[in-house]
Amino acid sequence: MKALQFRDAVSLVSLAQPTPKRGEALIKIIRSGVCNTDLEVAKGYIGFSGVLGHEFVGLVVEFHDDSYNPNNIKVGDRVVGEINAACEASEHCLPACKLPRSHCPHRTVLGILGRDGCFAEYLTLPVCNLHPVPPVVTDTEACFVEPLAAASRILEQVGFTGDVNVAVLGDGKLGMLIAEVLALQPSKLTLFGKHMEKMNRLSAKVERVVVNDIDLAEYYKSFDVVVDATGNENGFTFAVRLVKPLGKIILKTTCHASDPAFDASLLVIDEIVVIGSRCGPFKTALEFLEKKLINVTKYLTHEIGIDDGLRALEVARSNKCIKCHIIF
């Protein structure tokens, strides 16, 4: 099978079709989404080696009958999959471990940690990770479920009432989806980005600020909650400047960065709460799509076949691309 594999560099290779282990399903990929995390992994972030990619929609080819199957998955189903494969699907389960799947100490993570990803014609994933895609949700929409779920994770971590002033930093792939999710909440929302043509895809409810155009000092210490989805190491510093004393900063950025000295004094002095935020609820994301509450297709700017997969990664790095899908 064709796959985009990272070993010191990314290359298009031919690999053997994987064989599902007990508890796993074999999935034929329909399309995969390129995420900023994939681009960072390809720079050496987290030290991964293998097939890249973790956003997908595909068809179930086979799985073992005795697999744990909480979502009643069937062969032939169109599915999306949670990326963290927990120890409950392996032989290393800790009886005392009560952590959720995404924080299992023995987990593998699709295309990121110890498990080949979805930039390939086939992959294997525990059956319990799979969610059926409703018929009204298209393949294109379904391929956005993983990042939309990550955006929705914030709703589980922070309450958004009408008197909460929220800022999202970053108009990239994830930042825009976070803004879409938070725009459904009663809070006042401001998106800080570099490209007004991208931010104009959002509803009129969202205030948009181009960071290169104005003096941002007027916004300092103005927000109860600041979400950093910039994808770069400077986003956190900007977030600290924007958040009010006693406010919250939610970190969505994962990047391969240098290790500059960090001054934590402002966090202490202003008693700022910092919350890491990663994977989120697939059922919430699927509900948003099934009910047509969020239009994700307007963010798909490029579709490229797996035979030209290396170009897909280059396109995804460009400022002109919001979201690129690899088609199989």
C-alpha atoms as a PDB file:
ATOM      1  CA  MET A   1       0.000   0.000   0.000  1.00  0.00           C
ATOM      2  CA  LYS A   2       1.043   3.616  -0.576  1.00  0.00           C
ATOM      3  CA  ALA A   3       1.947   5.655   2.504  1.00  0.00           C
ATOM      4  CA  LEU A   4       3.674   8.850   3.607  1.00  0.00           C
ATOM      5  CA  GLN A   5       6.324   7.717   6.073  1.00  0.00           C
ATOM      6  CA  PHE A   6       8.647   9.802   8.259  1.00  0.00           C
ATOM      7  CA  ARG A   7      12.135   8.468   8.983  1.00  0.00           C
ATOM      8  CA  ASP A   8      14.476  11.472   9.260  1.00  0.00           C
ATOM      9  CA  ALA A   9      12.549  12.828   6.241  1.00  0.00           C
ATOM     10  CA  VAL A  10       9.105  12.246   4.733  1.00  0.00           C
ATOM     11  CA  SER A  11       8.869   9.974   1.703  1.00  0.00           C
ATOM     12  CA  LEU A  12       6.155   8.244  -0.310  1.00  0.00           C
ATOM     13  CA  VAL A  13       6.718   4.518   0.175  1.00  0.00           C
ATOM     14  CA  SER A  14       5.100   1.160  -0.521  1.00  0.00           C
ATOM     15  CA  LEU A  15       4.331  -0.830   2.634  1.00  0.00           C
ATOM     16  CA  ALA A  16       2.612  -4.114   3.407  1.00  0.00           C
ATOM     17  CA  GLN A  17      -1.046  -3.820   4.355  1.00  0.00           C
ATOM     18  CA  PRO A  18      -1.272  -3.966   8.177  1.00  0.00           C
ATOM     19  CA  THR A  19      -2.914  -6.904   9.953  1.00  0.00           C
ATOM     20  CA  PRO A  20      -5.295  -6.044  12.804  1.00  0.00           C
ATOM     21  CA  LYS A  21      -4.424  -7.453  16.206  1.00  0.00           C
ATOM     22  CA  ARG A  22      -7.048  -8.744  18.600  1.00  0.00           C
ATOM     23  CA  GLY A  23      -9.411  -5.878  19.437  1.00  0.00           C
ATOM     24  CA  GLU A  24      -8.432  -3.895  16.345  1.00  0.00           C
ATOM     25  CA  ALA A  25     -10.113  -3.168  13.015  1.00  0.00           C
ATOM     26  CA  LEU A  26      -8.601  -2.835   9.558  1.00  0.00           C
ATOM     27  CA  ILE A  27      -9.772   0.393   7.945  1.00  0.00           C
ATOM     28  CA  LYS A  28      -9.529   1.433   4.295  1.00  0.00           C
ATOM     29  CA  ILE A  29      -8.863   5.171   4.205  1.00  0.00           C
ATOM     30  CA  ILE A  30     -11.107   7.403   2.089  1.00  0.00           C
ATOM     31  CA  ARG A  31      -9.422  10.706   2.889  1.00  0.00           C
ATOM     32  CA  SER A  32      -7.064  12.137   5.501  1.00  0.00           C
ATOM     33  CA  GLY A  33      -6.576  15.677   6.798  1.00  0.00           C
ATOM     34  CA  VAL A  34      -3.190  17.345   7.178  1.00  0.00           C
ATOM     35  CA  CYS A  35      -2.816  18.962  10.605  1.00  0.00           C
ATOM     36  CA  ASN A  36      -0.177  21.356  11.916  1.00  0.00           C
ATOM     37  CA  THR A  37       0.852  18.600  14.337  1.00  0.00           C
ATOM     38  CA  ASP A  38       1.721  16.386  11.346  1.00  0.00           C
ATOM     39  CA  LEU A  39       3.975  19.132  10.013  1.00  0.00           C
ATOM     40  CA  GLU A  40       5.648  19.465  13.420  1.00  0.00           C
ATOM     41  CA  VAL A  41       6.105  15.682  13.704  1.00  0.00           C
ATOM     42  CA  ALA A  42       7.878  15.839  10.337  1.00  0.00           C
ATOM     43  CA  LYS A  43      10.333  18.317  11.907  1.00  0.00           C
ATOM     44  CA  GLY A  44      11.176  15.891  14.711  1.00  0.00           C
ATOM     45  CA  TYR A  45       8.575  16.907  17.295  1.00  0.00           C
ATOM     46  CA  ILE A  46       8.107  14.060  19.824  1.00  0.00           C
ATOM     47  CA  GLY A  47      10.615  11.796  18.027  1.00  0.00           C
ATOM     48  CA  PHE A  48       8.077   9.788  16.032  1.00  0.00           C
ATOM     49  CA  SER A  49       9.089   7.458  13.195  1.00  0.00           C
ATOM     50  CA  GLY A  50       6.473   5.840  10.968  1.00  0.00           C
ATOM     51  CA  VAL A  51       3.413   6.662   8.871  1.00  0.00           C
ATOM     52  CA  LEU A  52       2.132  10.180   9.557  1.00  0.00           C
ATOM     53  CA  GLY A  53      -1.441  11.414   9.952  1.00  0.00           C
ATOM     54  CA  HIS A  54      -4.270  11.189  12.487  1.00  0.00           C
ATOM     55  CA  GLU A  55      -7.375  12.786  10.887  1.00  0.00           C
ATOM     56  CA  PHE A  56      -9.353  10.426   8.654  1.00  0.00           C
ATOM     57  CA  VAL A  57     -12.580   8.928   7.459  1.00  0.00           C
ATOM     58  CA  GLY A  58     -12.586   5.364   6.190  1.00  0.00           C
ATOM     59  CA  LEU A  59     -14.417   2.067   5.738  1.00  0.00           C
ATOM     60  CA  VAL A  60     -14.196  -0.880   8.131  1.00  0.00           C
ATOM     61  CA  VAL A  61     -12.790  -3.898   6.278  1.00  0.00           C
ATOM     62  CA  GLU A  62     -12.574  -6.463   9.094  1.00  0.00           C
ATOM     63  CA  PHE A  63     -12.180  -6.959  12.834  1.00  0.00           C
ATOM     64  CA  HIS A  64     -12.212  -9.771  15.360  1.00  0.00           C
ATOM     65  CA  ASP A  65     -15.696 -10.769  16.539  1.00  0.00           C
ATOM     66  CA  ASP A  66     -14.708 -10.656  20.224  1.00  0.00           C
ATOM     67  CA  SER A  67     -13.481  -7.038  20.034  1.00  0.00           C
ATOM     68  CA  TYR A  68     -14.784  -4.530  22.568  1.00  0.00           C
ATOM     69  CA  ASN A  69     -17.314  -2.685  20.405  1.00  0.00           C
ATOM     70  CA  PRO A  70     -19.234  -0.039  22.404  1.00  0.00           C
ATOM     71  CA  ASN A  71     -20.432   1.834  19.303  1.00  0.00           C
ATOM     72  CA  ASN A  72     -21.765  -1.276  17.534  1.00  0.00           C
ATOM     73  CA  ILE A  73     -19.394  -0.945  14.576  1.00  0.00           C
ATOM     74  CA  LYS A  74     -20.019  -3.257  11.615  1.00  0.00           C
ATOM     75  CA  VAL A  75     -17.903  -4.302   8.647  1.00  0.00           C
ATOM     76  CA  GLY A  76     -18.571  -1.842   5.835  1.00  0.00           C
ATOM     77  CA  ASP A  77     -19.361   1.065   8.172  1.00  0.00           C
ATOM     78  CA  ARG A  78     -17.987   4.481   7.372  1.00  0.00           C
ATOM     79  CA  VAL A  79     -16.065   5.550  10.468  1.00  0.00           C
ATOM     80  CA  VAL A  80     -13.830   8.122  12.096  1.00  0.00           C
ATOM     81  CA  GLY A  81     -11.470   7.203  14.899  1.00  0.00           C
ATOM     82  CA  GLU A  82     -10.158   8.571  18.178  1.00  0.00           C
ATOM     83  CA  ILE A  83      -6.395   8.733  17.931  1.00  0.00           C
ATOM     84  CA  ASN A  84      -5.357   7.467  21.391  1.00  0.00           C
ATOM     85  CA  ALA A  85      -5.158   3.689  21.672  1.00  0.00           C
ATOM     86  CA  ALA A  86      -5.269   2.888  25.382  1.00  0.00           C
ATOM     87  CA  CYS A  87      -3.859  -0.030  27.317  1.00  0.00           C
ATOM     88  CA  GLU A  88      -7.347  -1.550  27.540  1.00  0.00           C
ATOM     89  CA  ALA A  89      -6.703  -2.740  23.988  1.00  0.00           C
ATOM     90  CA  SER A  90      -3.289  -4.220  24.855  1.00  0.00           C
ATOM     91  CA  GLU A  91      -1.669  -6.483  27.425  1.00  0.00           C
ATOM     92  CA  HIS A  92      -0.376  -3.661  29.656  1.00  0.00           C
ATOM     93  CA  CYS A  93      -3.530  -2.530  31.440  1.00  0.00           C
ATOM     94  CA  LEU A  94      -2.976  -1.217  34.942  1.00  0.00           C
ATOM     95  CA  PRO A  95      -5.874  -2.353  37.184  1.00  0.00           C
ATOM     96  CA  ALA A  96      -5.623   0.805  39.278  1.00  0.00           C
ATOM     97  CA  CYS A  97      -5.494   3.119  36.250  1.00  0.00           C
ATOM     98  CA  LYS A  98      -8.608   5.267  36.044  1.00  0.00           C
ATOM     99  CA  LEU A  99      -7.306   7.741  33.479  1.00  0.00           C
ATOM    100  CA  PRO A 100      -9.280   8.333  30.284  1.00  0.00           C
ATOM    101  CA  ARG A 101      -8.024   6.824  27.041  1.00  0.00           C
ATOM    102  CA  SER A 102      -6.272  10.014  25.955  1.00  0.00           C
ATOM    103  CA  HIS A 103      -4.047   9.942  29.069  1.00  0.00           C
ATOM    104  CA  CYS A 104      -3.347   6.229  29.412  1.00  0.00           C
ATOM    105  CA  PRO A 105       0.365   5.946  30.341  1.00  0.00           C
ATOM    106  CA  HIS A 106       0.781   3.034  27.914  1.00  0.00           C
ATOM    107  CA  ARG A 107      -1.158   4.540  25.014  1.00  0.00           C
ATOM    108  CA  THR A 108      -0.086   4.727  21.422  1.00  0.00           C
ATOM    109  CA  VAL A 109      -1.239   7.686  19.348  1.00  0.00           C
ATOM    110  CA  LEU A 110      -2.145   7.472  15.688  1.00  0.00           C
ATOM    111  CA  GLY A 111       0.649   8.921  13.567  1.00  0.00           C
ATOM    112  CA  ILE A 112       2.258  10.561  16.611  1.00  0.00           C
ATOM    113  CA  LEU A 113       3.425   7.985  19.165  1.00  0.00           C
ATOM    114  CA  GLY A 114       4.159   4.324  18.514  1.00  0.00           C
ATOM    115  CA  ARG A 115       1.384   3.715  15.960  1.00  0.00           C
ATOM    116  CA  ASP A 116       1.355   4.172  12.182  1.00  0.00           C
ATOM    117  CA  GLY A 117      -1.060   6.854  11.060  1.00  0.00           C
ATOM    118  CA  CYS A 118      -3.614   7.494   8.347  1.00  0.00           C
ATOM    119  CA  PHE A 119      -1.508   8.882   5.490  1.00  0.00           C
ATOM    120  CA  ALA A 120      -1.756   5.385   4.050  1.00  0.00           C
ATOM    121  CA  GLU A 121      -4.293   3.336   2.163  1.00  0.00           C
ATOM    122  CA  TYR A 122      -5.003   1.212   5.258  1.00  0.00           C
ATOM    123  CA  LEU A 123      -4.563   1.474   9.020  1.00  0.00           C
ATOM    124  CA  THR A 124      -5.456  -0.482  12.144  1.00  0.00           C
ATOM    125  CA  LEU A 125      -7.096   0.998  15.245  1.00  0.00           C
ATOM    126  CA  PRO A 126      -8.934  -0.488  18.227  1.00  0.00           C
ATOM    127  CA  VAL A 127     -12.608  -1.064  17.441  1.00  0.00           C
ATOM    128  CA  CYS A 128     -13.545   0.790  20.618  1.00  0.00           C
ATOM    129  CA  ASN A 129     -11.939   3.944  19.150  1.00  0.00           C
ATOM    130  CA  LEU A 130     -14.262   3.994  16.139  1.00  0.00           C
ATOM    131  CA  HIS A 131     -17.409   6.069  15.670  1.00  0.00           C
ATOM    132  CA  PRO A 132     -19.918   5.531  12.843  1.00  0.00           C
ATOM    133  CA  VAL A 133     -20.479   8.519  10.586  1.00  0.00           C
ATOM    134  CA  PRO A 134     -24.142   9.557  10.204  1.00  0.00           C
ATOM    135  CA  PRO A 135     -25.459   9.278   6.615  1.00  0.00           C
ATOM    136  CA  VAL A 136     -26.073  13.040   6.339  1.00  0.00           C
ATOM    137  CA  VAL A 137     -22.408  13.794   7.096  1.00  0.00           C
ATOM    138  CA  THR A 138     -20.261  13.766   3.941  1.00  0.00           C
ATOM    139  CA  ASP A 139     -16.778  12.275   3.669  1.00  0.00           C
ATOM    140  CA  THR A 140     -15.345  15.785   3.498  1.00  0.00           C
ATOM    141  CA  GLU A 141     -17.147  16.824   6.677  1.00  0.00           C
ATOM    142  CA  ALA A 142     -16.280  13.582   8.483  1.00  0.00           C
ATOM    143  CA  CYS A 143     -12.585  14.165   7.873  1.00  0.00           C
ATOM    144  CA  PHE A 144     -12.888  17.270  10.091  1.00  0.00           C
ATOM    145  CA  VAL A 145     -14.232  15.334  13.102  1.00  0.00           C
ATOM    146  CA  GLU A 146     -10.895  14.874  14.889  1.00  0.00           C
ATOM    147  CA  PRO A 147      -9.870  18.572  14.866  1.00  0.00           C
ATOM    148  CA  LEU A 148     -13.454  19.646  15.555  1.00  0.00           C
ATOM    149  CA  ALA A 149     -13.482  17.325  18.572  1.00  0.00           C
ATOM    150  CA  ALA A 150     -10.199  18.852  19.740  1.00  0.00           C
ATOM    151  CA  ALA A 151     -11.802  22.291  19.462  1.00  0.00           C
ATOM    152  CA  SER A 152     -14.830  21.036  21.400  1.00  0.00           C
ATOM    153  CA  ARG A 153     -12.651  19.791  24.251  1.00  0.00           C
ATOM    154  CA  ILE A 154     -12.498  23.391  25.489  1.00  0.00           C
ATOM    155  CA  LEU A 155     -16.232  23.266  26.263  1.00  0.00           C
ATOM    156  CA  GLU A 156     -15.550  20.441  28.727  1.00  0.00           C
ATOM    157  CA  GLN A 157     -12.799  22.404  30.454  1.00  0.00           C
ATOM    158  CA  VAL A 158     -14.220  25.936  30.771  1.00  0.00           C
ATOM    159  CA  GLY A 159     -17.741  27.316  31.149  1.00  0.00           C
ATOM    160  CA  PHE A 160     -18.685  30.036  28.652  1.00  0.00           C
ATOM    161  CA  THR A 161     -21.437  32.330  29.902  1.00  0.00           C
ATOM    162  CA  GLY A 162     -22.622  35.611  28.453  1.00  0.00           C
ATOM    163  CA  ASP A 163     -20.342  37.726  30.643  1.00  0.00           C
ATOM    164  CA  VAL A 164     -17.127  35.891  29.647  1.00  0.00           C
ATOM    165  CA  ASN A 165     -14.820  37.694  27.214  1.00  0.00           C
ATOM    166  CA  VAL A 166     -12.852  35.179  25.124  1.00  0.00           C
ATOM    167  CA  ALA A 167      -9.908  35.515  22.745  1.00  0.00           C
ATOM    168  CA  VAL A 168      -8.659  32.894  20.297  1.00  0.00           C
ATOM    169  CA  LEU A 169      -5.129  33.350  18.987  1.00  0.00           C
ATOM    170  CA  GLY A 170      -4.369  31.951  15.544  1.00  0.00           C
ATOM    171  CA  ASP A 171      -6.280  31.806  12.256  1.00  0.00           C
ATOM    172  CA  GLY A 172      -4.859  28.478  11.152  1.00  0.00           C
ATOM    173  CA  LYS A 173      -6.478  25.077  10.802  1.00  0.00           C
ATOM    174  CA  LEU A 174      -7.354  24.560  14.470  1.00  0.00           C
ATOM    175  CA  GLY A 175      -7.814  28.187  15.496  1.00  0.00           C
ATOM    176  CA  MET A 176     -10.639  28.688  13.015  1.00  0.00           C
ATOM    177  CA  LEU A 177     -12.473  25.558  14.195  1.00  0.00           C
ATOM    178  CA  ILE A 178     -12.096  26.646  17.817  1.00  0.00           C
ATOM    179  CA  ALA A 179     -13.612  29.990  16.888  1.00  0.00           C
ATOM    180  CA  GLU A 180     -16.513  28.182  15.163  1.00  0.00           C
ATOM    181  CA  VAL A 181     -17.214  26.095  18.275  1.00  0.00           C
ATOM    182  CA  LEU A 182     -16.962  29.023  20.673  1.00  0.00           C
ATOM    183  CA  ALA A 183     -19.133  31.197  18.409  1.00  0.00           C
ATOM    184  CA  LEU A 184     -22.009  28.858  19.337  1.00  0.00           C
ATOM    185  CA  GLN A 185     -21.602  29.891  22.980  1.00  0.00           C
ATOM    186  CA  PRO A 186     -23.076  33.075  24.522  1.00  0.00           C
ATOM    187  CA  SER A 187     -19.653  34.587  25.314  1.00  0.00           C
ATOM    188  CA  LYS A 188     -18.135  37.542  23.477  1.00  0.00           C
ATOM    189  CA  LEU A 189     -15.457  36.235  21.103  1.00  0.00           C
ATOM    190  CA  THR A 190     -12.456  37.873  19.433  1.00  0.00           C
ATOM    191  CA  LEU A 191     -10.149  36.095  16.976  1.00  0.00           C
ATOM    192  CA  PHE A 192      -6.583  37.369  16.566  1.00  0.00           C
ATOM    193  CA  GLY A 193      -4.907  36.336  13.322  1.00  0.00           C
ATOM    194  CA  LYS A 194      -2.724  37.442  10.441  1.00  0.00           C
ATOM    195  CA  HIS A 195      -5.043  36.924   7.467  1.00  0.00           C
ATOM    196  CA  MET A 196      -8.368  38.744   7.283  1.00  0.00           C
ATOM    197  CA  GLU A 197      -9.357  36.781   4.161  1.00  0.00           C
ATOM    198  CA  LYS A 198      -9.278  33.622   6.282  1.00  0.00           C
ATOM    199  CA  MET A 199     -11.035  35.138   9.283  1.00  0.00           C
ATOM    200  CA  ASN A 200     -13.840  36.503   7.101  1.00  0.00           C
ATOM    201  CA  ARG A 201     -15.127  32.931   6.794  1.00  0.00           C
ATOM    202  CA  LEU A 202     -16.415  33.258  10.364  1.00  0.00           C
ATOM    203  CA  SER A 203     -19.805  34.607  11.364  1.00  0.00           C
ATOM    204  CA  ALA A 204     -20.295  38.320  11.953  1.00  0.00           C
ATOM    205  CA  LYS A 205     -20.653  37.562  15.677  1.00  0.00           C
ATOM    206  CA  VAL A 206     -16.881  37.106  15.954  1.00  0.00           C
ATOM    207  CA  GLU A 207     -14.725  40.217  16.240  1.00  0.00           C
ATOM    208  CA  ARG A 208     -11.605  39.844  14.083  1.00  0.00           C
ATOM    209  CA  VAL A 209      -8.267  41.527  14.743  1.00  0.00           C
ATOM    210  CA  VAL A 210      -5.319  41.416  12.335  1.00  0.00           C
ATOM    211  CA  VAL A 211      -2.291  41.422  14.609  1.00  0.00           C
ATOM    212  CA  ASN A 212      -0.020  43.130  12.072  1.00  0.00           C
ATOM    213  CA  ASP A 213      -2.312  46.114  11.508  1.00  0.00           C
ATOM    214  CA  ILE A 214      -2.707  47.802  14.887  1.00  0.00           C
ATOM    215  CA  ASP A 215      -1.145  48.466  18.270  1.00  0.00           C
ATOM    216  CA  LEU A 216      -2.438  45.623  20.420  1.00  0.00           C
ATOM    217  CA  ALA A 217      -1.756  47.276  23.772  1.00  0.00           C
ATOM    218  CA  GLU A 218      -5.422  48.265  24.081  1.00  0.00           C
ATOM    219  CA  TYR A 219      -6.295  44.562  24.306  1.00  0.00           C
ATOM    220  CA  TYR A 220      -3.862  43.716  27.094  1.00  0.00           C
ATOM    221  CA  LYS A 221      -5.468  42.237  30.232  1.00  0.00           C
ATOM    222  CA  SER A 222      -8.905  42.364  28.552  1.00  0.00           C
ATOM    223  CA  PHE A 223      -9.948  38.712  28.332  1.00  0.00           C
ATOM    224  CA  ASP A 224     -11.248  36.224  30.879  1.00  0.00           C
ATOM    225  CA  VAL A 225     -10.180  33.279  28.706  1.00  0.00           C
ATOM    226  CA  VAL A 226      -7.451  33.201  26.046  1.00  0.00           C
ATOM    227  CA  VAL A 227      -6.992  30.173  23.772  1.00  0.00           C
ATOM    228  CA  ASP A 228      -3.560  29.827  22.176  1.00  0.00           C
ATOM    229  CA  ALA A 229      -3.855  28.023  18.847  1.00  0.00           C
ATOM    230  CA  THR A 230      -1.053  29.903  17.093  1.00  0.00           C
ATOM    231  CA  GLY A 231       1.084  26.836  16.507  1.00  0.00           C
ATOM    232  CA  ASN A 232       4.237  28.712  17.483  1.00  0.00           C
ATOM    233  CA  GLU A 233       6.246  29.245  20.642  1.00  0.00           C
ATOM    234  CA  ASN A 234       5.458  32.975  20.847  1.00  0.00           C
ATOM    235  CA  GLY A 235       1.710  32.466  21.202  1.00  0.00           C
ATOM    236  CA  PHE A 236       1.866  31.809  24.920  1.00  0.00           C
ATOM    237  CA  THR A 237       3.688  35.091  25.597  1.00  0.00           C
ATOM    238  CA  PHE A 238       0.963  36.967  23.702  1.00  0.00           C
ATOM    239  CA  ALA A 239      -1.720  35.072  25.632  1.00  0.00           C
ATOM    240  CA  VAL A 240      -0.193  36.098  28.965  1.00  0.00           C
ATOM    241  CA  ARG A 241      -0.397  39.734  27.891  1.00  0.00           C
ATOM    242  CA  LEU A 242      -4.056  39.474  26.857  1.00  0.00           C
ATOM    243  CA  VAL A 243      -5.510  37.586  29.812  1.00  0.00           C
ATOM    244  CA  LYS A 244      -6.971  39.350  32.834  1.00  0.00           C
ATOM    245  CA  PRO A 245      -5.723  38.691  36.361  1.00  0.00           C
ATOM    246  CA  LEU A 246      -7.441  35.522  37.659  1.00  0.00           C
ATOM    247  CA  GLY A 247      -8.115  34.555  34.043  1.00  0.00           C
ATOM    248  CA  LYS A 248      -7.480  31.312  32.171  1.00  0.00           C
ATOM    249  CA  ILE A 249      -5.129  30.471  29.315  1.00  0.00           C
ATOM    250  CA  ILE A 250      -5.948  27.339  27.297  1.00  0.00           C
ATOM    251  CA  LEU A 251      -2.995  25.921  25.384  1.00  0.00           C
ATOM    252  CA  LYS A 252      -3.719  24.160  22.097  1.00  0.00           C
ATOM    253  CA  THR A 253      -0.319  24.742  20.519  1.00  0.00           C
ATOM    254  CA  THR A 254       2.003  21.778  19.972  1.00  0.00           C
ATOM    255  CA  CYS A 255       5.198  22.690  18.147  1.00  0.00           C
ATOM    256  CA  HIS A 256       8.837  21.750  17.807  1.00  0.00           C
ATOM    257  CA  ALA A 257      10.379  24.709  19.604  1.00  0.00           C
ATOM    258  CA  SER A 258      13.576  25.930  21.139  1.00  0.00           C
ATOM    259  CA  ASP A 259      13.822  26.041  24.923  1.00  0.00           C
ATOM    260  CA  PRO A 260      13.916  29.726  25.840  1.00  0.00           C
ATOM    261  CA  ALA A 261      14.011  30.842  29.437  1.00  0.00           C
ATOM    262  CA  PHE A 262      10.445  31.301  30.660  1.00  0.00           C
ATOM    263  CA  ASP A 263       9.472  33.961  33.187  1.00  0.00           C
ATOM    264  CA  ALA A 264       6.534  32.559  35.157  1.00  0.00           C
ATOM    265  CA  SER A 265       6.272  35.571  37.433  1.00  0.00           C
ATOM    266  CA  LEU A 266       3.231  37.050  35.647  1.00  0.00           C
ATOM    267  CA  LEU A 267       1.337  33.793  36.079  1.00  0.00           C
ATOM    268  CA  VAL A 268       2.033  33.925  39.793  1.00  0.00           C
ATOM    269  CA  ILE A 269       1.423  37.646  40.287  1.00  0.00           C
ATOM    270  CA  ASP A 270      -1.857  37.705  38.295  1.00  0.00           C
ATOM    271  CA  GLU A 271      -2.895  34.210  39.505  1.00  0.00           C
ATOM    272  CA  ILE A 272      -3.482  32.981  35.964  1.00  0.00           C
ATOM    273  CA  VAL A 273      -4.707  29.426  35.421  1.00  0.00           C
ATOM    274  CA  VAL A 274      -3.015  27.572  32.531  1.00  0.00           C
ATOM    275  CA  ILE A 275      -4.912  24.609  31.053  1.00  0.00           C
ATOM    276  CA  GLY A 276      -3.488  22.165  28.539  1.00  0.00           C
ATOM    277  CA  SER A 277      -6.089  21.019  26.011  1.00  0.00           C
ATOM    278  CA  ARG A 278      -5.699  18.219  23.500  1.00  0.00           C
ATOM    279  CA  CYS A 279      -8.114  15.585  22.207  1.00  0.00           C
ATOM    280  CA  GLY A 280     -11.868  16.002  22.567  1.00  0.00           C
ATOM    281  CA  PRO A 281     -15.314  14.370  22.271  1.00  0.00           C
ATOM    282  CA  PHE A 282     -16.005  12.811  18.873  1.00  0.00           C
ATOM    283  CA  LYS A 283     -19.723  12.481  19.626  1.00  0.00           C
ATOM    284  CA  THR A 284     -20.006  16.249  20.139  1.00  0.00           C
ATOM    285  CA  ALA A 285     -18.183  16.939  16.871  1.00  0.00           C
ATOM    286  CA  LEU A 286     -20.365  14.476  14.956  1.00  0.00           C
ATOM    287  CA  GLU A 287     -23.486  16.079  16.452  1.00  0.00           C
ATOM    288  CA  PHE A 288     -22.341  19.543  15.303  1.00  0.00           C
ATOM    289  CA  LEU A 289     -21.926  18.174  11.780  1.00  0.00           C
ATOM    290  CA  GLU A 290     -25.097  16.075  11.747  1.00  0.00           C
ATOM    291  CA  LYS A 291     -27.183  19.077  12.850  1.00  0.00           C
ATOM    292  CA  LYS A 292     -25.338  21.362  10.398  1.00  0.00           C
ATOM    293  CA  LEU A 293     -24.393  23.746  13.211  1.00  0.00           C
ATOM    294  CA  ILE A 294     -20.885  24.255  11.824  1.00  0.00           C
ATOM    295  CA  ASN A 295     -19.907  24.444   8.172  1.00  0.00           C
ATOM    296  CA  VAL A 296     -16.424  22.947   8.023  1.00  0.00           C
ATOM    297  CA  THR A 297     -16.198  22.544   4.242  1.00  0.00           C
ATOM    298  CA  LYS A 298     -15.507  26.252   3.738  1.00  0.00           C
ATOM    299  CA  TYR A 299     -12.109  25.663   5.339  1.00  0.00           C
ATOM    300  CA  LEU A 300     -11.064  22.973   2.852  1.00  0.00           C
ATOM    301  CA  THR A 301      -8.858  24.787   0.359  1.00  0.00           C
ATOM    302  CA  HIS A 302      -6.903  21.908  -1.202  1.00  0.00           C
ATOM    303  CA  GLU A 303      -7.495  18.243  -2.107  1.00  0.00           C
ATOM    304  CA  ILE A 304      -4.486  16.231  -3.331  1.00  0.00           C
ATOM    305  CA  GLY A 305      -4.140  12.534  -4.151  1.00  0.00           C
ATOM    306  CA  ILE A 306      -1.819  10.238  -2.205  1.00  0.00           C
ATOM    307  CA  ASP A 307       0.403   9.846  -5.286  1.00  0.00           C
ATOM    308  CA  ASP A 308       1.254  13.519  -4.838  1.00  0.00           C
ATOM    309  CA  GLY A 309       1.305  13.301  -1.043  1.00  0.00           C
ATOM    310  CA  LEU A 310       4.633  15.080  -0.554  1.00  0.00           C
ATOM    311  CA  ARG A 311       3.218  18.113  -2.322  1.00  0.00           C
ATOM    312  CA  ALA A 312       0.174  17.946  -0.023  1.00  0.00           C
ATOM    313  CA  LEU A 313       2.444  18.504   2.973  1.00  0.00           C
ATOM    314  CA  GLU A 314       4.169  21.416   1.250  1.00  0.00           C
ATOM    315  CA  VAL A 315       0.815  22.983   0.360  1.00  0.00           C
ATOM    316  CA  ALA A 316      -0.389  22.548   3.960  1.00  0.00           C
ATOM    317  CA  ARG A 317       2.591  24.604   5.154  1.00  0.00           C
ATOM    318  CA  SER A 318       1.702  27.584   2.975  1.00  0.00           C
ATOM    319  CA  ASN A 319      -0.240  30.608   4.187  1.00  0.00           C
ATOM    320  CA  LYS A 320      -2.678  30.174   1.301  1.00  0.00           C
ATOM    321  CA  CYS A 321      -3.861  26.828   2.674  1.00  0.00           C
ATOM    322  CA  ILE A 322      -6.318  26.523   5.524  1.00  0.00           C
ATOM    323  CA  LYS A 323      -6.978  22.783   5.257  1.00  0.00           C
ATOM    324  CA  CYS A 324      -5.586  20.184   2.866  1.00  0.00           C
ATOM    325  CA  HIS A 325      -7.049  16.690   2.474  1.00  0.00           C
ATOM    326  CA  ILE A 326      -5.186  13.744   1.003  1.00  0.00           C
ATOM    327  CA  ILE A 327      -7.482  11.635  -1.182  1.00  0.00           C
ATOM    328  CA  PHE A 328      -7.176   7.853  -1.556  1.00  0.00           C
END
